[in-house]
Amino acid sequence: MSGKTNFERTELLIGADAMRYMNAARVILLGVGGVGSWCAESLIRSGIYHLTLVDSDCISGTNINRQLPATTLTIGEAKVNVLKKRLLEINPEAEITAIQGRYNAHTSASFHLDSYDYILDAIDSLEEKTHLIRTATHTDAVFFSSMGAALKMDPSRIHTAEFWKVQGCPLAAALRRKLKKGQLPEKKFVCVFSDEVLNNRDFLPDRATSLPEGDAQRARINGTLAHITAIFGFTLSSLVINDIYTSVNNG
C-alpha cells in the first residue's frame, strides 16, 4: 500500500502504480456547478491530489436543487471557495487551487492549460465551451467534456462517446455547428451526454436583462435534477480514473 490509508480501498481496486499516477496527476476542472461539483468530489475521493477549480459564480438559492456546495448556509459565497473547503476536509493533503474567474477568449492564456495532464470541461456557456474545446485539444493534456445535463430525468440514457459521434444531444449539435464555422478541434475527445430530450413543464420569466453583458446564450433556463447532474459529474470523473488505470496497465 502507498501509506495513504484513506484511499486504500481505491488502491486495492486499481493497484499501487495507478494510485501513484492518480496522486501525481494535475487536473483542471472548468465549471463547478451541477456537473462539475460532483466531478470534483469524486476525483478527490478517488485519490487525485492536484486539482484546480475554475468558476466565476457565487452560490444562489436556485443552485440548491443540484449543486454539491449549495446549501442555505452558503448562498452568496464563491462556489470554488466553498467546494475547496469541502474537498480539503476530505483530503487535507490535497493541493487544490480555487480560481474565481471566468474562462473565455480573453482569459484563456492565464489558465496555462498546457501545464495539466487532464482538462475537464463542465462549462455551460456555448461560446466559452467552444473556445475551450479548440484550445484544450491543442495541448498535450487529455481532454474530456460534459454535454448538457438539463431537461433529463432518465439516468439510463447517460452515455459516453467521442464528440463527433454523440447523438440526440442539442448542445453537442450546437457545438458542432459552431466549430465547423471556424477552427476545428485538433484531436478527438470523449464526452458525457444523454440522448434524452424533455421539455420544461413550466416557464420562468425571461432573465436575459439581468445577465451580464455577453451572456445572452445563457438566458434560457431549463429544468434540472440532482441525480442527473451528479451522474454526469461522476461519469466525467470516471473518464479520468479509467484513463489513468488503462494507461498504467496497458503501457
Foldseek 3Di string as FASTA:
>chain_A
DQPPVLQVVLCVPLNDVLLVCQQVFAEEEEDQALQNVLLVLLSLSNRRQHYEYEEQDFEAPVRVQGGDQDDPVRGPHQPQVSSVVVSCVSPVRGHYHYHNDHAAPVCPVVVPLLVGQEYEEPDDALRRVLVCQQVNLVHNHAYEYEADLFQDDDQVQKDKDWLVPDPQGPSSVVSVVVCVVDPHRPDIHMYIYGNDHHADPDADPFCCVVDPPPRNRVRGDGHHGRVRSSVRNNVSSVVVSVVSSCVVVVD
